[in-house]
């Protein structure tokens, strides 16, 4: 089963988390806004999707832990400012399942 990481305490409603699960994904949920770089690195292992709803900083170094990552969603505006790893993530080849 493919897994989607969802972070944040308030920006991603429970209905969205439930919908991800109904679509056949396992949800790895962190209802926190303050994941450290190490916690995020560990949480990204093995996930195929990542919905950023917290204030953690997704950097280029996190791509190493996220080898299965195929999609990233950001809840908010100005993703380029809050997601420092957006440029290298955009140029990565998607995984083959």
N, C-alpha and C. Protein backbone atom coordinates (compact mmCIF):
# COMPACT_ATOMS: atom_id res chain seq x y z
N UNK A 1 0.85 -1.18 0.00
CA UNK A 1 0.00 0.00 0.00
C UNK A 1 0.89 1.24 0.00
N UNK A 2 0.54 2.22 -0.81
CA UNK A 2 1.29 3.47 -0.85
C UNK A 2 0.87 4.35 0.33
N UNK A 3 1.81 5.14 0.81
CA UNK A 3 1.61 5.95 2.01
C UNK A 3 1.75 7.43 1.68
N UNK A 4 0.88 8.23 2.30
CA UNK A 4 0.93 9.69 2.18
C UNK A 4 1.22 10.27 3.56
N UNK A 5 2.26 11.08 3.64
CA UNK A 5 2.59 11.80 4.87
C UNK A 5 1.81 13.10 4.89
N UNK A 6 1.10 13.34 5.99
CA UNK A 6 0.33 14.58 6.18
C UNK A 6 0.81 15.21 7.47
N UNK A 7 1.18 16.51 7.41
CA UNK A 7 1.65 17.21 8.60
C UNK A 7 0.78 18.43 8.88
N UNK A 8 0.91 18.94 10.09
CA UNK A 8 0.23 20.17 10.48
C UNK A 8 -0.90 19.94 11.45
N UNK A 9 -1.11 20.93 12.30
CA UNK A 9 -2.12 20.80 13.35
C UNK A 9 -3.49 21.32 12.95
N UNK A 10 -3.57 22.26 12.00
CA UNK A 10 -4.88 22.86 11.71
C UNK A 10 -5.21 23.03 10.23
N UNK A 11 -4.23 23.12 9.36
CA UNK A 11 -4.51 23.48 7.97
C UNK A 11 -5.09 22.36 7.11
N UNK A 12 -4.87 21.12 7.49
CA UNK A 12 -5.42 19.99 6.74
C UNK A 12 -6.56 19.40 7.56
N UNK A 13 -7.80 19.60 7.11
CA UNK A 13 -8.94 19.11 7.89
C UNK A 13 -8.99 17.58 7.92
N UNK A 14 -9.63 17.06 8.97
CA UNK A 14 -9.79 15.61 9.10
C UNK A 14 -10.49 15.02 7.88
N UNK A 15 -11.41 15.77 7.28
CA UNK A 15 -12.13 15.26 6.11
C UNK A 15 -11.17 14.97 4.95
N UNK A 16 -10.13 15.77 4.80
CA UNK A 16 -9.13 15.54 3.75
C UNK A 16 -8.31 14.30 4.08
N UNK A 17 -7.91 14.17 5.33
CA UNK A 17 -7.15 12.99 5.76
C UNK A 17 -7.99 11.73 5.53
N UNK A 18 -9.26 11.78 5.90
CA UNK A 18 -10.16 10.65 5.68
C UNK A 18 -10.30 10.32 4.20
N UNK A 19 -10.39 11.34 3.37
CA UNK A 19 -10.54 11.12 1.93
C UNK A 19 -9.30 10.45 1.34
N UNK A 20 -8.13 10.82 1.80
CA UNK A 20 -6.90 10.18 1.33
C UNK A 20 -6.95 8.69 1.66
N UNK A 21 -7.38 8.37 2.86
CA UNK A 21 -7.51 6.97 3.27
C UNK A 21 -8.56 6.23 2.46
N UNK A 22 -9.69 6.86 2.18
CA UNK A 22 -10.75 6.22 1.37
C UNK A 22 -10.27 5.93 -0.05
N UNK A 23 -9.31 6.68 -0.51
CA UNK A 23 -8.78 6.47 -1.86
C UNK A 23 -7.73 5.37 -1.91
N UNK A 24 -7.53 4.69 -0.79
CA UNK A 24 -6.67 3.53 -0.77
C UNK A 24 -5.25 3.76 -0.33
N UNK A 25 -4.97 4.93 0.22
CA UNK A 25 -3.63 5.23 0.72
C UNK A 25 -3.58 5.05 2.22
N UNK A 26 -2.45 4.60 2.70
CA UNK A 26 -2.20 4.62 4.14
C UNK A 26 -1.78 6.04 4.47
N UNK A 27 -2.28 6.60 5.57
CA UNK A 27 -1.95 7.96 5.97
C UNK A 27 -0.99 7.91 7.15
N UNK A 28 0.14 8.58 7.01
CA UNK A 28 1.09 8.76 8.11
C UNK A 28 0.87 10.20 8.57
N UNK A 29 0.19 10.36 9.69
CA UNK A 29 -0.28 11.67 10.13
C UNK A 29 0.53 12.20 11.30
N UNK A 30 1.02 13.41 11.14
CA UNK A 30 1.70 14.14 12.22
C UNK A 30 0.93 15.43 12.44
N UNK A 31 0.08 15.46 13.46
CA UNK A 31 -0.71 16.64 13.78
C UNK A 31 0.13 17.62 14.59
N UNK A 32 1.26 17.99 13.99
CA UNK A 32 2.19 18.95 14.62
C UNK A 32 2.67 19.90 13.54
N UNK A 33 3.07 21.08 13.97
CA UNK A 33 3.59 22.08 13.04
C UNK A 33 5.10 22.23 13.14
N UNK A 34 5.72 21.48 14.01
CA UNK A 34 7.12 21.76 14.34
C UNK A 34 8.04 20.55 14.17
N UNK A 35 7.86 19.74 13.15
CA UNK A 35 8.75 18.60 12.95
C UNK A 35 10.17 19.10 12.73
N UNK A 36 11.10 18.49 13.42
CA UNK A 36 12.51 18.84 13.21
C UNK A 36 12.98 18.24 11.89
N UNK A 37 14.13 18.66 11.43
CA UNK A 37 14.69 18.13 10.18
C UNK A 37 14.87 16.62 10.28
N UNK A 38 15.33 16.13 11.43
CA UNK A 38 15.52 14.69 11.61
C UNK A 38 14.21 13.93 11.64
N UNK A 39 13.21 14.48 12.31
CA UNK A 39 11.90 13.83 12.35
C UNK A 39 11.28 13.77 10.95
N UNK A 40 11.42 14.85 10.20
CA UNK A 40 10.89 14.87 8.84
C UNK A 40 11.62 13.86 7.97
N UNK A 41 12.92 13.80 8.10
CA UNK A 41 13.73 12.83 7.35
C UNK A 41 13.20 11.42 7.59
N UNK A 42 12.97 11.06 8.85
CA UNK A 42 12.47 9.73 9.19
C UNK A 42 11.04 9.52 8.69
N UNK A 43 10.20 10.54 8.84
CA UNK A 43 8.79 10.42 8.43
C UNK A 43 8.63 10.24 6.93
N UNK A 44 9.57 10.74 6.14
CA UNK A 44 9.48 10.66 4.68
C UNK A 44 9.90 9.31 4.12
N UNK A 45 10.52 8.48 4.91
CA UNK A 45 10.97 7.17 4.41
C UNK A 45 9.77 6.35 3.95
N UNK A 46 9.82 5.93 2.71
CA UNK A 46 8.82 5.02 2.18
C UNK A 46 7.50 5.65 1.76
N UNK A 47 7.36 6.98 1.83
CA UNK A 47 6.09 7.59 1.44
C UNK A 47 6.08 7.91 -0.05
N UNK A 48 4.89 7.84 -0.65
CA UNK A 48 4.76 8.20 -2.06
C UNK A 48 4.14 9.57 -2.24
N UNK A 49 3.54 10.11 -1.18
CA UNK A 49 2.96 11.45 -1.24
C UNK A 49 3.22 12.19 0.06
N UNK A 50 3.26 13.51 -0.05
CA UNK A 50 3.56 14.35 1.12
C UNK A 50 2.71 15.61 1.03
N UNK A 51 1.81 15.78 1.99
CA UNK A 51 0.97 16.97 2.07
C UNK A 51 1.48 17.82 3.22
N UNK A 52 2.11 18.95 2.87
CA UNK A 52 2.75 19.82 3.86
C UNK A 52 1.70 20.78 4.43
N UNK A 53 1.36 20.56 5.69
CA UNK A 53 0.40 21.43 6.36
C UNK A 53 1.00 22.07 7.60
N UNK A 54 2.24 21.73 7.89
CA UNK A 54 2.93 22.29 9.05
C UNK A 54 3.95 23.32 8.62
N UNK A 55 4.80 23.71 9.56
CA UNK A 55 5.82 24.72 9.27
C UNK A 55 7.22 24.11 9.12
N UNK A 56 7.27 22.78 8.97
CA UNK A 56 8.58 22.15 8.78
C UNK A 56 9.17 22.59 7.44
N UNK A 57 10.48 22.57 7.35
CA UNK A 57 11.16 22.99 6.12
C UNK A 57 11.61 21.77 5.35
N UNK A 58 11.01 21.56 4.20
CA UNK A 58 11.38 20.45 3.32
C UNK A 58 12.54 20.92 2.46
N UNK A 59 13.74 20.42 2.78
CA UNK A 59 14.93 20.81 2.05
C UNK A 59 15.38 19.75 1.07
N UNK A 60 16.32 20.11 0.24
CA UNK A 60 16.85 19.18 -0.77
C UNK A 60 17.38 17.91 -0.12
N UNK A 61 17.94 18.03 1.09
CA UNK A 61 18.48 16.85 1.76
C UNK A 61 17.41 15.82 2.10
N UNK A 62 16.16 16.26 2.19
CA UNK A 62 15.08 15.32 2.50
C UNK A 62 14.73 14.43 1.31
N UNK A 63 15.11 14.84 0.13
CA UNK A 63 14.85 14.00 -1.03
C UNK A 63 15.58 12.67 -0.95
N UNK A 64 16.72 12.65 -0.27
CA UNK A 64 17.46 11.40 -0.09
C UNK A 64 16.64 10.38 0.69
N UNK A 65 15.88 10.84 1.67
CA UNK A 65 15.06 9.94 2.48
C UNK A 65 13.76 9.60 1.77
N UNK A 66 13.40 10.37 0.79
CA UNK A 66 12.09 10.24 0.15
C UNK A 66 12.19 9.63 -1.24
N UNK A 67 12.88 8.54 -1.36
CA UNK A 67 13.11 7.90 -2.67
C UNK A 67 11.83 7.45 -3.36
N UNK A 68 10.77 7.20 -2.61
CA UNK A 68 9.51 6.75 -3.18
C UNK A 68 8.55 7.90 -3.46
N UNK A 69 8.95 9.11 -3.12
CA UNK A 69 8.06 10.27 -3.21
C UNK A 69 7.74 10.60 -4.67
N UNK A 70 6.44 10.64 -4.97
CA UNK A 70 5.99 10.95 -6.33
C UNK A 70 5.24 12.28 -6.40
N UNK A 71 4.68 12.73 -5.26
CA UNK A 71 3.90 13.97 -5.28
C UNK A 71 4.04 14.70 -3.95
N UNK A 72 4.11 16.03 -4.05
CA UNK A 72 4.16 16.90 -2.87
C UNK A 72 3.07 17.94 -3.03
N UNK A 73 2.28 18.13 -1.98
CA UNK A 73 1.28 19.19 -1.96
C UNK A 73 1.58 20.14 -0.81
N UNK A 74 1.35 21.42 -1.02
CA UNK A 74 1.61 22.43 -0.01
C UNK A 74 0.31 23.16 0.29
N UNK A 75 -0.05 23.25 1.56
CA UNK A 75 -1.28 23.93 1.95
C UNK A 75 -0.89 25.36 2.33
N UNK A 76 -1.18 26.29 1.45
CA UNK A 76 -0.84 27.67 1.72
C UNK A 76 -0.42 28.39 0.46
N UNK A 77 0.21 29.52 0.64
CA UNK A 77 0.71 30.30 -0.48
C UNK A 77 2.21 30.51 -0.33
N UNK A 78 2.86 30.87 -1.40
CA UNK A 78 4.29 31.14 -1.43
C UNK A 78 5.12 29.91 -1.05
N UNK A 79 4.81 28.80 -1.71
CA UNK A 79 5.52 27.55 -1.44
C UNK A 79 7.02 27.69 -1.63
N UNK A 80 7.44 28.50 -2.56
CA UNK A 80 8.88 28.66 -2.79
C UNK A 80 9.60 29.18 -1.55
N UNK A 81 8.96 29.99 -0.75
CA UNK A 81 9.57 30.52 0.46
C UNK A 81 9.58 29.50 1.60
N UNK A 82 8.55 28.65 1.66
CA UNK A 82 8.40 27.72 2.76
C UNK A 82 8.93 26.32 2.45
N UNK A 83 9.19 26.03 1.20
CA UNK A 83 9.66 24.70 0.80
C UNK A 83 10.99 24.88 0.07
N UNK A 84 12.09 25.01 0.84
CA UNK A 84 13.38 25.27 0.21
C UNK A 84 13.81 24.20 -0.79
N UNK A 85 13.29 22.98 -0.66
CA UNK A 85 13.67 21.91 -1.58
C UNK A 85 12.83 21.84 -2.83
N UNK A 86 12.03 22.87 -3.13
CA UNK A 86 11.11 22.77 -4.26
C UNK A 86 11.84 22.65 -5.60
N UNK A 87 12.93 23.35 -5.78
CA UNK A 87 13.62 23.32 -7.07
C UNK A 87 14.21 21.94 -7.37
N UNK A 88 14.99 21.34 -6.45
CA UNK A 88 15.51 20.00 -6.76
C UNK A 88 14.39 18.96 -6.83
N UNK A 89 13.33 19.14 -6.04
CA UNK A 89 12.23 18.18 -6.09
C UNK A 89 11.56 18.21 -7.46
N UNK A 90 11.49 19.36 -8.04
CA UNK A 90 10.84 19.52 -9.34
C UNK A 90 11.62 18.83 -10.46
N UNK A 91 12.91 18.68 -10.29
CA UNK A 91 13.73 18.09 -11.35
C UNK A 91 14.00 16.61 -11.15
N UNK A 92 13.52 16.03 -10.06
CA UNK A 92 13.73 14.59 -9.81
C UNK A 92 12.82 13.77 -10.71
N UNK A 93 13.30 12.63 -11.08
CA UNK A 93 12.47 11.69 -11.83
C UNK A 93 11.53 11.02 -10.87
N UNK A 94 10.28 10.80 -11.27
CA UNK A 94 9.33 10.13 -10.38
C UNK A 94 9.71 8.65 -10.24
N UNK A 95 9.35 8.06 -9.12
CA UNK A 95 9.67 6.65 -8.93
C UNK A 95 8.86 5.78 -9.89
N UNK A 96 9.35 4.62 -10.15
CA UNK A 96 8.58 3.65 -10.92
C UNK A 96 8.10 2.57 -9.97
N UNK A 97 6.81 2.30 -10.01
CA UNK A 97 6.26 1.29 -9.10
C UNK A 97 6.11 0.00 -9.80
